[in-house]
Amino acid sequence: MGVLVAVATISILIVTLYPSSTSLSINIWDYDKIGHFIMFAGWTFLIGIFRASSTKRKPGLWKVFSLGCFYGLLIEFLQYVVPTNRSPEALDFVADVLGALFAIFVLHFLFKSMFPSEKTHTA
């Protein structure tokens, strides 16, 4: 699972920092915000699954969400400082955060069934 997380992390770095002057001739880049949403939803989901499998318990979802947000912010910062003809955009970061939030929503319900609460409610 760790290898999958590493491959996903490196793949996102490559895709988001790849020089835009050499992008594909297809207008795939017109769907940039959807791509950011999907990449960060997938990445955050993988991080959550990885943390749950390595600790054998439900990970703190806010920590996982924070990692997704931090990684999105890091990408935008790198686009600003690395000379790849890419420019940071606030809406890219918003799409990253929304993707991470979507993954947290999915993980919440997945973990709810995997790690049932040990609390018993008595009236």
Protein backbone atom coordinates (compact mmCIF):
# COMPACT_ATOMS: atom_id res chain seq x y z
CA MET A 1 0.00 0.00 0.00
CA GLY A 2 2.89 2.35 0.76
CA VAL A 3 4.22 1.89 -2.77
CA LEU A 4 0.82 2.85 -4.20
CA VAL A 5 0.75 6.02 -2.10
CA ALA A 6 4.29 6.89 -3.22
CA VAL A 7 3.43 6.30 -6.89
CA ALA A 8 0.27 8.44 -6.57
CA THR A 9 2.22 11.22 -4.83
CA ILE A 10 4.94 11.28 -7.48
CA SER A 11 2.39 11.04 -10.31
CA ILE A 12 0.52 14.09 -9.01
CA LEU A 13 3.79 16.01 -8.74
CA ILE A 14 4.68 15.15 -12.33
CA VAL A 15 1.24 15.98 -13.72
CA THR A 16 0.93 19.28 -11.87
CA LEU A 17 4.50 20.45 -12.47
CA TYR A 18 4.88 19.23 -16.06
CA PRO A 19 5.72 22.21 -18.28
CA SER A 20 2.51 23.52 -19.80
CA SER A 21 4.19 24.43 -23.09
CA THR A 22 4.59 20.70 -23.80
CA SER A 23 1.08 19.62 -22.81
CA LEU A 24 -0.97 17.27 -24.93
CA SER A 25 -2.58 18.67 -28.05
CA ILE A 26 -5.95 17.40 -26.82
CA ASN A 27 -7.87 19.95 -24.81
CA ILE A 28 -7.62 17.79 -21.70
CA TRP A 29 -6.15 20.75 -19.81
CA ASP A 30 -9.48 22.60 -20.16
CA TYR A 31 -10.80 20.30 -17.45
CA ASP A 32 -8.06 21.28 -15.04
CA LYS A 33 -10.27 21.80 -11.95
CA ILE A 34 -12.01 18.43 -12.40
CA GLY A 35 -8.57 16.84 -12.69
CA HIS A 36 -7.43 18.49 -9.47
CA PHE A 37 -10.61 17.32 -7.71
CA ILE A 38 -10.17 13.72 -8.88
CA MET A 39 -6.43 13.58 -8.16
CA PHE A 40 -6.77 14.91 -4.63
CA ALA A 41 -9.87 12.87 -3.84
CA GLY A 42 -7.97 9.75 -4.88
CA TRP A 43 -4.78 10.73 -3.12
CA THR A 44 -6.53 11.62 0.14
CA PHE A 45 -8.54 8.39 -0.03
CA LEU A 46 -5.32 6.39 -0.45
CA ILE A 47 -3.69 8.19 2.47
CA GLY A 48 -6.70 7.40 4.66
CA ILE A 49 -6.69 3.72 3.68
CA PHE A 50 -2.92 3.54 4.14
CA ARG A 51 -3.10 5.06 7.62
CA ALA A 52 -5.94 2.72 8.62
CA SER A 53 -4.09 -0.35 7.34
CA SER A 54 -0.81 0.58 9.00
CA THR A 55 -2.33 1.38 12.41
CA LYS A 56 -5.15 -1.22 12.26
CA ARG A 57 -7.54 1.41 13.57
CA LYS A 58 -9.55 4.33 12.27
CA PRO A 59 -7.22 7.21 11.47
CA GLY A 60 -8.03 10.76 12.47
CA LEU A 61 -9.89 11.99 9.40
CA TRP A 62 -9.08 15.64 10.07
CA LYS A 63 -5.38 14.77 9.98
CA VAL A 64 -5.89 12.99 6.66
CA PHE A 65 -7.87 15.98 5.34
CA SER A 66 -5.12 18.34 6.52
CA LEU A 67 -2.53 16.27 4.64
CA GLY A 68 -4.60 16.57 1.46
CA CYS A 69 -4.91 20.34 1.90
CA PHE A 70 -1.21 20.71 2.68
CA TYR A 71 -0.22 18.70 -0.38
CA GLY A 72 -2.48 20.86 -2.58
CA LEU A 73 -0.95 24.01 -1.13
CA LEU A 74 2.54 22.59 -1.65
CA ILE A 75 1.76 21.92 -5.32
CA GLU A 76 0.58 25.49 -5.84
CA PHE A 77 3.69 26.82 -4.07
CA LEU A 78 5.95 24.63 -6.23
CA GLN A 79 4.18 25.88 -9.37
CA TYR A 80 5.11 29.38 -8.22
CA VAL A 81 8.80 28.72 -7.49
CA VAL A 82 9.77 25.99 -9.99
CA PRO A 83 10.43 27.35 -13.49
CA THR A 84 8.10 25.01 -15.43
CA ASN A 85 5.87 27.66 -17.04
CA ARG A 86 3.07 26.67 -14.64
CA SER A 87 1.27 29.21 -12.54
CA PRO A 88 -0.46 28.69 -9.21
CA GLU A 89 -4.20 29.28 -9.12
CA ALA A 90 -6.41 29.72 -6.09
CA LEU A 91 -9.19 27.75 -7.81
CA ASP A 92 -6.84 24.80 -8.27
CA PHE A 93 -6.30 24.79 -4.53
CA VAL A 94 -10.06 25.04 -3.96
CA ALA A 95 -10.55 22.00 -6.23
CA ASP A 96 -7.82 20.16 -4.28
CA VAL A 97 -9.53 20.92 -0.96
CA LEU A 98 -12.95 19.90 -2.29
CA GLY A 99 -11.47 16.63 -3.60
CA ALA A 100 -9.85 15.94 -0.23
CA LEU A 101 -13.13 16.76 1.53
CA PHE A 102 -15.03 14.37 -0.74
CA ALA A 103 -12.53 11.61 0.09
CA ILE A 104 -12.98 12.28 3.81
CA PHE A 105 -16.75 11.99 3.36
CA VAL A 106 -16.34 8.60 1.65
CA LEU A 107 -13.77 7.43 4.21
CA HIS A 108 -16.08 8.41 7.07
CA PHE A 109 -18.79 6.04 5.88
CA LEU A 110 -16.31 3.34 4.93
CA PHE A 111 -14.64 3.44 8.34
CA LYS A 112 -17.99 3.59 10.09
CA SER A 113 -18.66 0.06 8.85
CA MET A 114 -15.06 -1.14 9.28
CA PHE A 115 -14.55 0.25 12.78
CA PRO A 116 -17.91 0.19 14.56
CA SER A 117 -18.07 2.42 17.58
CA GLU A 118 -17.40 0.67 20.84
CA LYS A 119 -19.68 3.05 22.71
CA THR A 120 -23.02 1.66 23.74
CA HIS A 121 -25.89 4.06 24.19
CA THR A 122 -28.04 3.53 27.22
CA ALA A 123 -31.18 5.46 27.89
